[in-house]
Protein backbone atom coordinates (compact mmCIF):
# COMPACT_ATOMS: atom_id res chain seq x y z
CA MET A 1 0.00 0.00 0.00
CA THR A 2 1.37 3.40 -0.96
CA SER A 3 1.72 6.07 1.70
CA PRO A 4 -1.15 8.56 1.76
CA LYS A 5 -0.33 11.91 0.23
CA LYS A 6 -3.28 13.83 1.66
CA LEU A 7 -3.84 14.07 5.39
CA VAL A 8 -6.99 15.38 7.05
CA LEU A 9 -6.46 16.82 10.53
CA ILE A 10 -9.55 16.71 12.77
CA LEU A 11 -9.31 18.72 15.97
CA GLY A 12 -11.12 17.98 19.21
CA ASP A 13 -13.74 20.67 18.64
CA GLN A 14 -14.51 19.62 15.04
CA LEU A 15 -16.37 16.36 15.59
CA ASP A 16 -18.69 16.36 12.61
CA LEU A 17 -19.04 13.46 10.17
CA GLU A 18 -20.40 15.94 7.61
CA SER A 19 -17.38 18.22 7.95
CA THR A 20 -16.23 19.84 4.74
CA ALA A 21 -12.77 18.49 5.57
CA LEU A 22 -14.17 15.07 4.64
CA ALA A 23 -16.19 16.25 1.63
CA ASP A 24 -13.78 14.93 -1.02
CA PHE A 25 -12.08 12.29 1.09
CA ASP A 26 -10.59 9.33 -0.83
CA ALA A 27 -10.40 6.38 1.55
CA ALA A 28 -8.02 4.55 -0.80
CA ASN A 29 -5.33 7.23 -0.64
CA ASP A 30 -6.09 9.72 2.11
CA GLN A 31 -5.78 9.47 5.85
CA ILE A 32 -7.24 11.14 8.94
CA LEU A 33 -5.25 12.22 11.99
CA MET A 34 -6.61 12.94 15.47
CA VAL A 35 -4.37 13.79 18.43
CA GLU A 36 -4.84 13.74 22.19
CA SER A 37 -2.14 16.14 23.33
CA ILE A 38 -1.10 16.56 26.96
CA HIS A 39 0.22 19.97 25.92
CA GLU A 40 -3.29 21.15 24.99
CA ALA A 41 -4.69 20.07 28.37
CA GLN A 42 -1.87 21.87 30.19
CA TYR A 43 -1.71 24.96 27.94
CA VAL A 44 -4.04 26.34 30.58
CA TRP A 45 -4.65 24.52 33.88
CA SER A 46 -7.80 22.88 32.54
CA HIS A 47 -10.73 21.59 34.60
CA GLN A 48 -10.69 17.79 34.78
CA ALA A 49 -14.21 17.64 33.35
CA LYS A 50 -13.18 19.74 30.35
CA ILE A 51 -10.28 17.41 29.59
CA ALA A 52 -12.55 14.39 30.00
CA LEU A 53 -15.25 15.87 27.76
CA PHE A 54 -12.86 16.56 24.90
CA ILE A 55 -11.11 13.19 25.11
CA SER A 56 -14.31 11.17 25.48
CA ALA A 57 -16.00 13.00 22.60
CA MET A 58 -12.89 12.52 20.45
CA ARG A 59 -12.70 8.78 21.20
CA HIS A 60 -16.38 8.31 20.44
CA PHE A 61 -15.94 10.20 17.19
CA ALA A 62 -12.90 8.09 16.32
CA ARG A 63 -15.01 4.97 16.82
CA ALA A 64 -17.67 6.41 14.49
CA LEU A 65 -15.01 7.05 11.83
CA LYS A 66 -13.70 3.50 12.13
CA ASP A 67 -17.22 2.08 11.92
CA LEU A 68 -17.46 3.86 8.56
CA ASN A 69 -14.08 2.37 7.53
CA TYR A 70 -12.27 5.68 7.39
CA PRO A 71 -8.48 5.21 7.61
CA LEU A 72 -7.65 6.93 10.90
CA THR A 73 -4.47 7.43 12.88
CA TYR A 74 -5.48 8.27 16.44
CA ILE A 75 -2.68 9.34 18.78
CA ARG A 76 -3.44 9.00 22.50
CA ASN A 77 -1.78 10.88 25.34
CA SER A 78 1.05 12.44 23.35
CA ASN A 79 3.65 14.54 25.12
CA LEU A 80 4.01 16.55 21.92
CA SER A 81 1.79 19.42 20.86
CA ILE A 82 -0.73 18.85 18.07
CA ILE A 83 1.68 20.60 15.70
CA GLY A 84 4.54 18.42 16.93
CA VAL A 85 2.62 15.19 16.23
CA LEU A 86 1.42 16.54 12.90
CA LYS A 87 4.94 17.41 11.78
CA GLU A 88 6.19 13.93 12.64
CA LYS A 89 3.32 12.35 10.71
CA ILE A 90 3.83 14.53 7.65
CA LEU A 91 7.55 13.77 7.47
CA GLU A 92 7.09 10.07 8.17
CA ASP A 93 4.46 9.54 5.46
CA ASN A 94 5.72 12.11 2.95
CA ILE A 95 2.47 14.03 3.11
CA THR A 96 2.20 16.80 0.53
CA HIS A 97 -1.37 18.01 1.12
CA LEU A 98 -2.92 18.87 4.49
CA VAL A 99 -6.66 19.48 4.85
CA CYS A 100 -8.27 20.94 7.96
CA ILE A 101 -11.12 23.10 9.15
CA GLU A 102 -9.99 26.48 10.42
CA PRO A 103 -9.14 26.11 14.13
CA GLY A 104 -11.13 27.90 16.82
CA GLU A 105 -7.90 29.26 18.25
CA TRP A 106 -5.78 31.93 16.58
CA ARG A 107 -2.55 30.48 18.01
CA LEU A 108 -3.14 27.07 16.45
CA LYS A 109 -4.14 28.60 13.13
CA GLN A 110 -0.86 30.53 12.98
CA GLU A 111 1.12 27.41 13.89
CA LEU A 112 -0.54 25.48 11.06
CA LEU A 113 0.27 28.24 8.60
CA GLU A 114 3.89 28.33 9.79
CA LEU A 115 4.20 24.53 9.55
CA ALA A 116 2.87 24.52 6.01
CA ASP A 117 5.40 27.18 5.06
CA GLU A 118 8.25 25.33 6.77
CA LEU A 119 7.48 21.98 5.11
CA HIS A 120 6.39 23.45 1.74
CA LEU A 121 3.04 21.82 2.35
CA GLN A 122 -0.13 22.42 0.37
CA LEU A 123 -2.50 23.59 3.11
CA ASP A 124 -6.22 23.50 2.42
CA MET A 125 -7.75 25.27 5.44
CA ARG A 126 -11.51 25.22 4.98
CA GLU A 127 -14.30 27.39 6.35
CA ASP A 128 -16.11 26.07 9.42
CA LYS A 129 -19.68 25.51 8.20
CA HIS A 130 -21.05 25.35 11.74
CA PHE A 131 -21.70 29.07 11.64
CA PHE A 132 -24.26 31.19 9.82
CA CYS A 133 -21.77 33.94 9.04
CA THR A 134 -18.38 33.42 7.37
CA GLN A 135 -15.39 35.43 8.48
CA LYS A 136 -15.35 37.20 5.12
CA GLU A 137 -19.00 38.20 5.52
CA PHE A 138 -18.38 39.49 9.02
CA GLN A 139 -15.37 41.51 7.91
CA GLU A 140 -17.42 43.04 5.10
CA TRP A 141 -20.14 43.96 7.59
CA ALA A 142 -17.64 45.45 10.07
CA VAL A 143 -15.57 47.52 7.65
CA ASN A 144 -15.80 51.31 8.10
CA LYS A 145 -18.31 51.04 10.92
CA LYS A 146 -17.82 53.55 13.73
CA GLU A 147 -19.50 51.21 16.23
CA LEU A 148 -19.55 47.42 16.17
CA ARG A 149 -22.68 46.45 18.06
CA LEU A 150 -24.49 43.14 18.35
CA GLU A 151 -27.94 44.62 17.77
CA TYR A 152 -27.24 45.78 14.21
CA PHE A 153 -25.44 42.56 13.29
CA TYR A 154 -28.23 40.48 14.82
CA ARG A 155 -30.89 42.25 12.77
CA LEU A 156 -28.87 41.59 9.63
CA MET A 157 -28.60 37.89 10.50
CA ARG A 158 -32.33 37.67 11.13
CA LYS A 159 -33.08 39.22 7.74
CA THR A 160 -30.40 37.29 5.85
CA HIS A 161 -31.55 33.92 7.14
CA ASN A 162 -35.27 34.76 7.42
CA ILE A 163 -35.50 33.83 11.08
CA LEU A 164 -38.33 35.33 13.14
CA ILE A 165 -39.27 37.55 10.21
CA ASP A 166 -42.95 37.88 9.24
CA ALA A 167 -44.46 37.82 5.76
CA ASP A 168 -43.96 41.56 5.36
CA GLY A 169 -40.26 41.38 6.19
CA ASN A 170 -40.66 42.80 9.68
CA PRO A 171 -39.56 41.22 12.97
CA GLU A 172 -42.08 38.86 14.55
CA GLY A 173 -43.99 40.60 17.30
CA GLY A 174 -43.14 44.04 15.95
CA GLN A 175 -39.77 44.39 17.66
CA TRP A 176 -36.29 42.92 17.26
CA ASN A 177 -35.42 42.41 20.88
CA PHE A 178 -37.43 41.25 23.91
CA ASP A 179 -34.51 41.38 26.33
CA GLN A 180 -36.44 43.45 28.88
CA ASP A 181 -38.88 40.53 29.32
CA ASN A 182 -36.10 38.07 30.11
CA ARG A 183 -34.43 39.51 33.21
CA LYS A 184 -36.60 38.43 36.09
CA PRO A 185 -35.29 36.85 39.30
CA TYR A 186 -36.82 33.71 40.72
CA PRO A 187 -39.75 34.20 43.13
CA LYS A 188 -38.77 34.98 46.72
CA LYS A 189 -39.50 31.40 47.77
CA GLY A 190 -37.13 30.10 45.14
CA PRO A 191 -37.31 28.60 41.65
CA GLY A 192 -39.50 25.66 42.65
CA ILE A 193 -39.12 22.39 40.77
CA ILE A 194 -36.86 22.65 37.74
CA ASP A 195 -36.66 19.76 35.30
CA ASP A 196 -33.02 18.73 35.14
CA PRO A 197 -31.43 18.85 31.70
CA MET A 198 -30.88 15.49 30.05
CA MET A 199 -27.61 14.04 31.26
CA PHE A 200 -25.91 10.79 30.33
CA GLU A 201 -24.42 8.02 32.41
CA PRO A 202 -20.81 7.44 31.33
CA ASP A 203 -20.46 4.46 29.00
CA GLU A 204 -17.40 2.24 28.85
CA ILE A 205 -15.37 4.71 26.79
CA THR A 206 -16.23 7.63 29.05
CA GLN A 207 -15.58 5.63 32.21
CA GLU A 208 -12.14 4.74 30.87
CA VAL A 209 -11.49 8.41 30.07
CA ILE A 210 -12.63 9.56 33.51
CA GLU A 211 -10.25 7.08 35.15
CA PHE A 212 -7.44 8.16 32.81
CA VAL A 213 -7.95 11.88 33.48
CA GLY A 214 -8.17 11.34 37.24
CA LYS A 215 -4.81 9.55 37.22
CA THR A 216 -3.06 11.74 34.63
CA TYR A 217 -4.24 15.17 35.83
CA PRO A 218 -4.80 14.72 39.58
CA ASP A 219 -3.67 18.27 40.43
CA HIS A 220 -5.94 19.97 37.93
CA PRO A 221 -8.98 21.83 39.27
CA GLY A 222 -12.51 20.53 39.36
CA SER A 223 -14.29 17.26 39.88
CA LEU A 224 -15.24 14.33 37.66
CA GLU A 225 -17.93 12.97 39.96
CA LYS A 226 -20.81 14.78 38.22
CA PHE A 227 -19.60 14.16 34.67
CA ARG A 228 -22.75 13.55 32.60
CA TRP A 229 -22.11 15.60 29.47
CA PRO A 230 -23.19 14.53 25.96
CA VAL A 231 -20.16 13.04 24.19
CA THR A 232 -21.73 11.81 20.94
CA ARG A 233 -23.92 13.35 18.28
CA HIS A 234 -26.77 11.01 19.22
CA GLN A 235 -26.61 12.15 22.85
CA ALA A 236 -26.40 15.80 21.81
CA LEU A 237 -29.54 15.42 19.67
CA GLU A 238 -31.33 13.78 22.60
CA ALA A 239 -30.33 16.67 24.85
CA LEU A 240 -31.59 19.19 22.28
CA HIS A 241 -34.93 17.39 21.94
CA TYR A 242 -35.38 17.23 25.71
CA PHE A 243 -34.62 20.93 26.12
CA VAL A 244 -37.13 22.13 23.55
CA GLU A 245 -39.80 19.74 24.84
CA TYR A 246 -39.49 20.30 28.58
CA ARG A 247 -37.27 23.25 29.48
CA LEU A 248 -37.42 25.90 26.76
CA ARG A 249 -40.82 27.21 27.90
CA ASN A 250 -39.29 28.54 31.15
CA PHE A 251 -35.90 29.58 29.77
CA GLY A 252 -36.63 33.17 28.79
CA ILE A 253 -38.11 34.78 31.86
CA TYR A 254 -35.52 33.32 34.26
CA GLN A 255 -32.41 33.22 32.07
CA ASP A 256 -30.64 35.80 34.27
CA ALA A 257 -31.78 34.37 37.62
CA MET A 258 -29.42 32.71 40.11
CA TRP A 259 -30.07 30.50 43.13
CA THR A 260 -27.94 28.35 45.40
CA ASN A 261 -27.75 24.67 44.46
CA THR A 262 -29.37 25.42 41.12
CA PRO A 263 -26.49 24.91 38.70
CA TYR A 264 -28.42 24.82 35.43
CA GLY A 265 -31.63 26.75 35.97
CA TRP A 266 -33.72 26.51 32.79
CA HIS A 267 -30.72 26.87 30.49
CA SER A 268 -30.23 24.53 27.54
CA ILE A 269 -26.75 23.23 28.49
CA LEU A 270 -26.12 22.76 24.75
CA SER A 271 -23.08 25.04 24.42
CA SER A 272 -20.53 22.25 24.82
CA SER A 273 -22.23 20.17 22.11
CA LEU A 274 -22.43 23.18 19.81
CA ASN A 275 -18.79 24.08 20.39
CA LEU A 276 -17.59 20.50 19.84
CA LYS A 277 -19.67 20.52 16.60
CA LEU A 278 -21.83 17.62 17.77
CA LEU A 279 -24.75 19.96 17.03
CA ASN A 280 -25.20 22.46 14.23
CA PRO A 281 -26.70 25.82 15.26
CA ARG A 282 -29.12 25.59 12.31
CA GLU A 283 -30.76 22.47 13.71
CA VAL A 284 -30.85 24.00 17.20
CA ILE A 285 -32.68 27.09 15.95
CA ALA A 286 -34.98 24.97 13.78
CA ALA A 287 -35.92 22.84 16.81
CA VAL A 288 -36.66 25.97 18.88
CA LEU A 289 -38.82 27.46 16.11
CA ASP A 290 -40.73 24.19 15.78
CA ALA A 291 -41.39 24.13 19.54
CA TRP A 292 -42.53 27.76 19.42
CA LYS A 293 -45.25 26.89 16.91
CA LYS A 294 -46.10 23.50 18.39
CA TYR A 295 -46.56 24.73 21.97
CA SER A 296 -47.40 28.41 21.36
CA LEU A 297 -44.43 29.47 23.47
CA ASP A 298 -43.83 33.08 24.43
CA LEU A 299 -42.05 34.93 21.62
CA SER A 300 -39.81 36.64 24.19
CA THR A 301 -38.43 33.25 25.28
CA VAL A 302 -37.85 32.06 21.72
CA GLU A 303 -36.31 35.34 20.58
CA GLY A 304 -34.07 35.50 23.66
CA PHE A 305 -32.69 32.03 22.98
CA ILE A 306 -32.22 32.60 19.25
CA ARG A 307 -30.44 35.90 19.94
CA GLN A 308 -27.80 33.99 21.90
CA ILE A 309 -27.20 31.53 19.04
CA LEU A 310 -27.80 33.55 15.86
CA GLY A 311 -26.70 36.86 17.37
CA TRP A 312 -24.13 36.78 20.12
CA ARG A 313 -22.42 33.46 19.27
CA GLU A 314 -21.87 34.53 15.66
CA PHE A 315 -20.92 38.07 16.66
CA VAL A 316 -18.19 37.13 19.14
CA ARG A 317 -16.66 34.67 16.68
CA GLY A 318 -16.49 37.41 14.08
CA MET A 319 -14.92 39.81 16.57
CA TYR A 320 -12.37 37.20 17.69
CA TYR A 321 -10.91 36.71 14.22
CA LEU A 322 -11.24 40.40 13.40
CA ASP A 323 -9.26 41.57 16.45
CA MET A 324 -6.74 38.84 17.18
CA PRO A 325 -4.01 38.81 18.35
CA GLN A 326 -4.56 42.28 19.85
CA MET A 327 -7.67 41.11 21.71
CA ALA A 328 -5.58 38.81 23.91
CA GLU A 329 -3.27 41.67 24.89
CA ASP A 330 -5.80 44.45 25.52
CA ASN A 331 -5.82 45.99 29.00
CA TYR A 332 -7.77 49.24 28.71
CA TYR A 333 -7.66 50.08 32.44
CA ASN A 334 -4.09 48.77 32.89
CA HIS A 335 -5.23 46.40 35.63
CA GLN A 336 -2.39 44.41 37.18
CA ASN A 337 -3.70 42.52 40.22
CA ALA A 338 -3.13 38.78 40.35
CA LEU A 339 -6.09 36.41 40.17
CA PRO A 340 -6.96 35.36 43.74
CA GLN A 341 -6.18 31.74 44.54
CA TRP A 342 -9.76 31.12 45.59
CA TYR A 343 -10.85 31.36 41.94
CA TRP A 344 -9.33 27.87 41.70
CA ASN A 345 -10.83 26.39 44.88
CA GLY A 346 -13.90 28.48 45.77
CA LYS A 347 -12.68 29.12 49.31
CA THR A 348 -13.91 32.67 49.85
CA ASN A 349 -16.27 34.31 52.33
CA MET A 350 -18.27 35.94 49.53
CA ALA A 351 -21.32 33.70 49.13
CA CYS A 352 -21.98 34.66 45.49
CA MET A 353 -18.42 33.90 44.42
CA ARG A 354 -18.28 30.79 46.59
CA ASP A 355 -21.43 29.39 44.99
CA ALA A 356 -20.63 30.35 41.39
CA ILE A 357 -17.05 29.05 41.60
CA GLY A 358 -18.01 26.01 43.67
CA GLN A 359 -20.63 25.08 41.09
CA THR A 360 -18.10 25.62 38.31
CA LEU A 361 -15.56 23.35 39.98
CA GLU A 362 -18.20 20.67 40.52
CA TYR A 363 -19.78 20.70 37.05
CA GLY A 364 -17.48 22.72 34.78
CA TYR A 365 -20.45 24.97 34.08
CA ALA A 366 -22.05 28.26 35.11
CA HIS A 367 -24.59 30.21 33.10
CA HIS A 368 -23.92 33.54 31.40
CA ILE A 369 -24.99 35.83 34.26
CA GLN A 370 -22.87 33.94 36.79
CA ARG A 371 -19.93 34.32 34.42
CA LEU A 372 -20.58 37.96 33.50
CA MET A 373 -22.06 39.53 36.61
CA VAL A 374 -20.52 37.47 39.41
CA THR A 375 -17.04 36.12 38.58
CA GLY A 376 -16.48 38.57 35.69
CA ASN A 377 -17.91 41.60 37.48
CA PHE A 378 -15.70 41.00 40.50
CA ALA A 379 -12.59 40.50 38.33
CA LEU A 380 -13.15 43.87 36.66
CA LEU A 381 -13.89 45.72 39.91
CA ALA A 382 -10.92 44.06 41.60
CA GLU A 383 -8.61 45.29 38.83
CA ILE A 384 -7.31 41.82 37.96
CA LEU A 385 -4.93 41.43 35.01
CA PRO A 386 -7.19 40.51 32.05
CA SER A 387 -4.91 37.79 30.70
CA GLU A 388 -5.07 35.90 34.01
CA VAL A 389 -8.86 36.13 34.09
CA CYS A 390 -9.11 34.95 30.49
CA GLU A 391 -6.87 31.99 31.21
CA TRP A 392 -9.12 31.02 34.09
CA TYR A 393 -12.27 31.14 31.97
CA LEU A 394 -10.62 29.13 29.21
CA ALA A 395 -9.45 26.52 31.70
CA ILE A 396 -12.45 26.14 33.95
CA TYR A 397 -15.51 25.77 31.69
CA VAL A 398 -16.20 22.66 29.64
CA ASP A 399 -17.60 24.71 26.75
CA ALA A 400 -14.72 27.19 26.60
CA ILE A 401 -12.88 27.41 23.29
CA GLU A 402 -10.87 30.55 22.73
CA TRP A 403 -12.94 31.98 19.86
CA VAL A 404 -15.96 32.22 22.18
CA GLU A 405 -14.27 32.57 25.57
CA LEU A 406 -11.88 35.44 24.86
CA PRO A 407 -14.33 37.99 23.39
CA ASN A 408 -16.84 37.24 26.16
CA THR A 409 -14.26 37.60 28.91
CA ALA A 410 -11.88 40.29 27.69
CA GLY A 411 -14.35 42.27 25.61
CA MET A 412 -17.58 42.03 27.56
CA ALA A 413 -16.84 41.07 31.18
CA LEU A 414 -13.58 43.03 31.59
CA PHE A 415 -13.99 45.90 29.09
CA ALA A 416 -10.33 45.24 28.31
CA ASN A 417 -10.65 46.57 24.77
CA GLY A 418 -12.20 49.86 25.92
CA GLY A 419 -15.63 49.23 24.44
CA ARG A 420 -14.68 47.97 20.98
CA PHE A 421 -18.02 46.14 20.79
CA THR A 422 -19.77 47.02 24.05
CA SER A 423 -21.21 50.41 24.93
CA LYS A 424 -20.29 50.33 28.61
CA PRO A 425 -18.45 48.34 31.30
CA TYR A 426 -20.76 45.70 32.79
CA ILE A 427 -20.40 46.44 36.48
CA ALA A 428 -22.79 46.12 39.40
CA SER A 429 -22.77 46.30 43.17
CA GLY A 430 -23.98 43.71 45.65
CA ALA A 431 -27.49 45.13 45.19
CA TYR A 432 -27.71 43.48 41.75
CA ILE A 433 -26.58 40.14 43.17
CA LYS A 434 -29.20 40.42 45.92
CA ARG A 435 -31.93 41.24 43.42
CA MET A 436 -31.11 38.35 41.05
CA SER A 437 -30.28 35.62 43.58
CA ASN A 438 -30.49 34.37 47.15
CA TYR A 439 -26.70 34.42 47.58
CA CYS A 440 -26.73 37.37 49.96
CA ASP A 441 -29.02 35.53 52.42
CA SER A 442 -26.16 33.30 53.53
CA CYS A 443 -23.30 35.80 53.27
CA GLN A 444 -21.39 37.47 56.08
CA TYR A 445 -21.16 40.63 53.97
CA LYS A 446 -24.05 43.08 53.52
CA PRO A 447 -24.79 44.17 49.94
CA ASP A 448 -26.16 47.57 50.99
CA VAL A 449 -23.12 48.52 53.12
CA ARG A 450 -20.51 50.47 51.15
CA PHE A 451 -17.49 50.34 53.47
CA GLY A 452 -16.37 48.80 56.73
CA GLU A 453 -15.92 45.23 57.94
CA SER A 454 -19.48 44.15 57.08
CA ALA A 455 -19.49 45.82 53.66
CA CYS A 456 -19.93 43.63 50.60
CA PRO A 457 -16.60 43.69 48.69
CA MET A 458 -18.55 43.83 45.42
CA THR A 459 -20.34 46.96 46.66
CA THR A 460 -17.21 48.68 47.97
CA LEU A 461 -15.28 47.97 44.79
CA TYR A 462 -18.22 49.04 42.62
CA TRP A 463 -18.38 52.50 44.17
CA ASN A 464 -14.59 52.74 44.17
CA PHE A 465 -14.59 51.94 40.45
CA LEU A 466 -17.18 54.65 39.75
CA ILE A 467 -15.22 57.20 41.78
CA LYS A 468 -11.99 56.30 40.03
CA HIS A 469 -13.50 56.42 36.53
CA ARG A 470 -16.13 59.09 37.15
CA GLU A 471 -15.11 61.14 34.12
CA GLN A 472 -15.45 58.21 31.73
CA PHE A 473 -18.86 57.23 33.08
CA GLU A 474 -20.19 60.79 33.00
CA SER A 475 -19.19 61.19 29.37
CA SER A 476 -21.70 58.58 28.17
CA PRO A 477 -25.51 58.75 28.39
CA ARG A 478 -25.50 54.95 28.93
CA THR A 479 -23.57 55.29 32.21
CA ARG A 480 -24.24 58.84 33.37
CA LEU A 481 -26.99 57.76 35.78
CA MET A 482 -24.53 55.50 37.60
CA THR A 483 -22.23 58.36 38.54
CA ALA A 484 -25.22 60.59 39.29
CA ASN A 485 -25.79 58.32 42.28
CA LEU A 486 -22.38 59.34 43.60
CA LYS A 487 -23.83 62.76 44.35
CA ARG A 488 -25.96 61.14 47.03
CA ILE A 489 -22.85 59.92 48.83
CA SER A 490 -21.02 62.46 50.98
CA ASP A 491 -17.39 63.31 50.32
CA THR A 492 -16.51 61.79 53.69
CA ASP A 493 -18.15 58.49 52.78
CA GLN A 494 -16.56 58.50 49.34
CA LYS A 495 -13.14 58.84 50.94
CA ALA A 496 -14.00 55.98 53.30
CA ILE A 497 -15.06 53.83 50.32
CA VAL A 498 -11.76 54.49 48.53
CA GLN A 499 -9.79 53.74 51.69
CA HIS A 500 -11.61 50.47 52.29
CA ALA A 501 -11.27 49.51 48.63
CA ARG A 502 -7.51 49.98 48.86
CA ARG A 503 -7.39 47.53 51.75
CA ILE A 504 -9.43 44.99 49.78
CA LEU A 505 -7.31 45.41 46.64
CA SER A 506 -4.09 45.02 48.60
CA ASP A 507 -5.00 41.45 49.62
CA LEU A 508 -7.73 39.89 47.48
CA ASN A 509 -6.82 36.43 48.73
CA ALA A 510 -8.09 37.41 52.20
CA LEU A 511 -11.70 37.81 51.09
């Protein structure tokens, strides 16, 4: 048998049998390569559940390829990087033509381009068809725009793909955005009974992976005890069906709500399957639209969910490729504080942070408000170095791939790019946490106290941030009301807030 001349590289977040990388595959001459790299798991100090999810999904996908008689070389537990393994394989088999889908990480894309140049390789890097908008289309939309805002892009996507558009070409329900209807906290007595999302008992492959990860990465953060994530396309489709049948109806109104011991709320928990490419966003949106008609669901719920998939998910991917590598280096406020150690173990006296981080360590998951307005909000107010915060988010969540994680963290949560695609810093005091959760009920700190030993650190740092950046906030109509509230605080109290904030910022690990 002659050595294959064309090699198809399939990465761990490209697990799609209908991938365009396989569109013209010749099983008689071509070959597929998949690599489990220790380097990728240690590139950031990844959550054990994240490592297990990627490896289990990859091994299940490899089995599916073999069942279809695809010639596959699958490298397990390599000490080399993906590029290192790939280079060895290319040289060993005299490969002249490499096919791949564009990686979801700028670093890896550059390394592939450099390898192709070094080895005089024909590189066929293909567009990822798991998105509605190509990079070229996004760049064309973004060019010469003074402001890059989700709302305008989202409306374009709705029109382009005829989603939630009526017969006259107008948005369903007469408005583009029902966000105001989707911000309610749970009732004071709590969320009541919430149907758990569909989870999956680990099969033989996953059990083997869990044991392997526990032994190989024992010092990595997080737990494997609650590992029940979808790891195959069949499981991902089951999870999608269950969500639209039983959970979607309550998603919208409570999508921002938080409650202790309620890790998933009414959220879909489909992001990991979408980001591994076990699901296509087109079929997710189609399923939601079908459920809307079938069950006469509230339009606000359906629109709110579709905005996350068709709007924000597509938008942040476009921004990632548009702004890299600068996005990873941005530090608008020049924040330099180190990430507190308790981000890795949850051992803090702040109940909101303890619960959000504890949940994340247990499941590898937290929903978007916990990420943005709890862990992200604190990181911004505490003046933590953006790159350290971004590394934490990339490491700790099972659905985190850099194209989606970095814009959300650096651009939205931390305002590190100075508002490149957001109109204001997303900051809030303890009052917001109290309104949207029950976290404050069990906390030693008081959300309405601005300074002193009983003051909520989130509250103290919030007012300190406003005082420090008063001029910036007063210059924008979107944030002017926030600094207007400073006028109600005496100069003496403002000085006390700043003094107390300095003590907090000098030793974040003590909180």
